Structure formats: C-alpha cells, structure tokens
Protein backbone atom coordinates (compact mmCIF):
# COMPACT_ATOMS: atom_id res chain seq x y z
CA GLN A 1 4.93 11.87 14.65
CA VAL A 2 5.13 9.52 11.70
CA GLN A 3 6.14 10.62 8.23
CA LEU A 4 5.49 8.36 5.24
CA VAL A 5 6.96 8.73 1.77
CA GLU A 6 5.72 6.56 -1.09
CA SER A 7 7.53 5.81 -4.31
CA GLY A 8 7.47 3.36 -7.20
CA GLY A 9 4.38 4.42 -9.07
CA GLY A 10 4.28 4.95 -12.79
CA LEU A 11 2.74 3.89 -16.07
CA VAL A 12 2.52 0.20 -16.81
CA GLN A 13 0.72 -1.91 -19.39
CA PRO A 14 -2.03 -4.32 -18.41
CA GLY A 15 -0.50 -7.52 -17.11
CA GLY A 16 2.61 -5.73 -15.94
CA SER A 17 4.06 -5.29 -12.49
CA LEU A 18 5.11 -2.52 -10.16
CA ARG A 19 6.48 -2.44 -6.66
CA LEU A 20 5.54 0.43 -4.41
CA SER A 21 7.65 1.40 -1.44
CA CYS A 22 6.80 3.41 1.63
CA VAL A 23 9.54 4.62 3.94
CA ALA A 24 8.43 5.55 7.42
CA SER A 25 10.05 7.74 10.00
CA GLY A 26 9.14 7.63 13.64
CA SER A 27 9.23 5.28 16.55
CA PHE A 28 8.11 1.69 16.86
CA PHE A 29 7.76 0.94 13.18
CA SER A 30 8.21 -2.79 13.79
CA VAL A 31 5.07 -3.00 15.94
CA VAL A 32 2.87 -0.64 13.94
CA ALA A 33 0.33 -1.94 11.47
CA MET A 34 0.65 -0.61 7.93
CA GLY A 35 -1.79 -0.38 5.08
CA TRP A 36 -2.01 0.53 1.45
CA TYR A 37 -5.03 2.42 0.17
CA ARG A 38 -5.90 3.60 -3.29
CA GLN A 39 -8.19 6.21 -4.73
CA ALA A 40 -9.26 6.53 -8.33
CA PRO A 41 -10.77 9.74 -9.74
CA GLY A 42 -14.36 10.09 -8.61
CA LYS A 43 -14.06 7.07 -6.35
CA GLN A 44 -13.86 6.68 -2.61
CA ARG A 45 -10.53 5.75 -1.12
CA GLU A 46 -10.39 2.02 -0.53
CA LEU A 47 -8.21 -0.24 1.54
CA VAL A 48 -6.06 -2.52 -0.58
CA ALA A 49 -3.85 -4.43 1.84
CA THR A 50 -2.69 -4.40 5.44
CA ILE A 51 0.14 -5.91 7.40
CA THR A 52 0.40 -6.05 11.17
CA GLY A 53 3.51 -5.58 13.21
CA GLY A 54 3.61 -9.35 13.52
CA GLY A 55 3.44 -9.83 9.77
CA SER A 56 -0.16 -10.93 9.32
CA THR A 57 -1.62 -9.74 6.03
CA ASN A 58 -5.05 -9.04 4.61
CA TYR A 59 -6.11 -8.08 1.10
CA ALA A 60 -9.08 -6.68 -0.67
CA ASP A 61 -10.81 -9.33 -2.75
CA SER A 62 -10.05 -7.37 -5.89
CA VAL A 63 -6.29 -7.79 -5.47
CA LYS A 64 -5.97 -11.21 -3.84
CA GLY A 65 -3.52 -13.39 -5.69
CA ARG A 66 -2.06 -10.40 -7.52
CA PHE A 67 -0.75 -8.04 -4.83
CA THR A 68 1.58 -8.78 -1.94
CA ILE A 69 2.24 -6.52 1.01
CA SER A 70 5.45 -6.96 2.96
CA ARG A 71 7.66 -5.04 5.32
CA ASP A 72 11.32 -4.70 6.14
CA ASN A 73 11.51 -3.44 9.68
CA ALA A 74 15.26 -2.89 9.49
CA LYS A 75 14.63 -0.38 6.70
CA ASN A 76 11.40 1.05 8.11
CA THR A 77 9.81 0.23 4.79
CA VAL A 78 6.59 -1.38 3.65
CA TYR A 79 6.13 -2.63 0.10
CA LEU A 80 3.28 -3.42 -2.20
CA GLN A 81 4.20 -5.78 -5.01
CA MET A 82 1.58 -5.50 -7.72
CA ASN A 83 1.43 -8.15 -10.43
CA SER A 84 -0.99 -8.83 -13.25
CA LEU A 85 -2.09 -5.23 -13.18
CA LYS A 86 -5.43 -4.26 -14.64
CA PRO A 87 -6.73 -0.90 -15.84
CA GLU A 88 -9.05 -0.81 -12.84
CA ASP A 89 -5.99 -0.76 -10.60
CA THR A 90 -5.29 2.77 -11.83
CA ALA A 91 -5.33 5.07 -8.81
CA VAL A 92 -3.26 7.09 -6.45
CA TYR A 93 -1.86 4.68 -3.90
CA TYR A 94 -1.38 5.85 -0.33
CA CYS A 95 0.68 4.34 2.42
CA ASN A 96 -0.78 4.46 5.90
CA SER A 97 0.51 3.79 9.39
CA GLY A 98 -2.27 2.73 11.71
CA GLN A 99 -3.63 0.05 13.96
CA TYR A 100 -5.12 -3.37 13.42
CA SER A 101 -7.69 -4.67 15.88
CA GLY A 102 -9.74 -7.12 13.89
CA THR A 103 -9.96 -4.46 11.22
CA TYR A 104 -7.59 -1.72 10.11
CA TYR A 105 -7.80 1.71 11.66
CA PRO A 106 -5.94 4.30 9.58
CA GLY A 107 -3.62 6.81 11.12
CA TYR A 108 -0.89 8.76 9.36
CA TRP A 109 -0.97 9.16 5.58
CA GLY A 110 1.67 9.50 2.93
CA GLN A 111 1.29 11.86 -0.02
CA GLY A 112 0.50 9.12 -2.51
CA THR A 113 2.03 7.80 -5.69
CA GLN A 114 0.23 7.53 -9.02
CA VAL A 115 -0.22 4.14 -10.66
CA THR A 116 -1.60 4.12 -14.18
CA VAL A 117 -2.36 0.86 -15.97
CA SER A 118 -3.03 1.47 -19.63
CA SER A 119 -2.16 0.27 -23.09
C-alpha cells in the first residue's frame, strides 16, 4: 500500500509562490508515476501536473509556465513549485500515485493541502 502526505499549502498573495511537497511511503516509488490534482469548492477535481518514473512531465494548460513538478526519488518525495499564483489557483491540492500510459491513471490519494491565493 502507498501512503501519501502533502504539505506546504497556505495563504499567499497573487503573484506569490508556494512549494508543495508530497512524501510517499511504499515500494517502487522511483518507477511510479505521480500527479498533482486540485479541487476548488463546487468544482470538479482536475489534474494539474504529472511526472513519470522516468521524469517526463505534463501540465494543465492553465498552469504551464508557472508550475513545475519534480521528484526526489532518494527522499520518496514529489514537489509542485507554484509561481505567479492567481486567485483561480485557490483549491485543495492532492498528491496522487498512479500510472502513466499516454495519459495519467490515478491511484492512491493523499489527504490534500489547502492553497489560498488572495489579497
């Protein structure tokens, strides 16, 4: 079983930055695809970014050029660096451990961390 724990959320002003972290427990982290999702109140959960075990990344159009997903396999950790934050980025962000086969297939979920972008 995989356990995921997110951290790094908080309140930030528009234009600011945050870095989210997700620490994973379980086997074969280095070859498992990881993703970040987010869900705003009243909205459907959406995929923000993914990274494969080999390090290939994909991003939602809404965050391209602003967000960067990365991983440190030695620490069993995936990160989401969020720059130039906008109010519409406000959401609960969820880490996910899944599978990538042309598209991302979600698996295990973390509990989420709140990101609020507001003046």
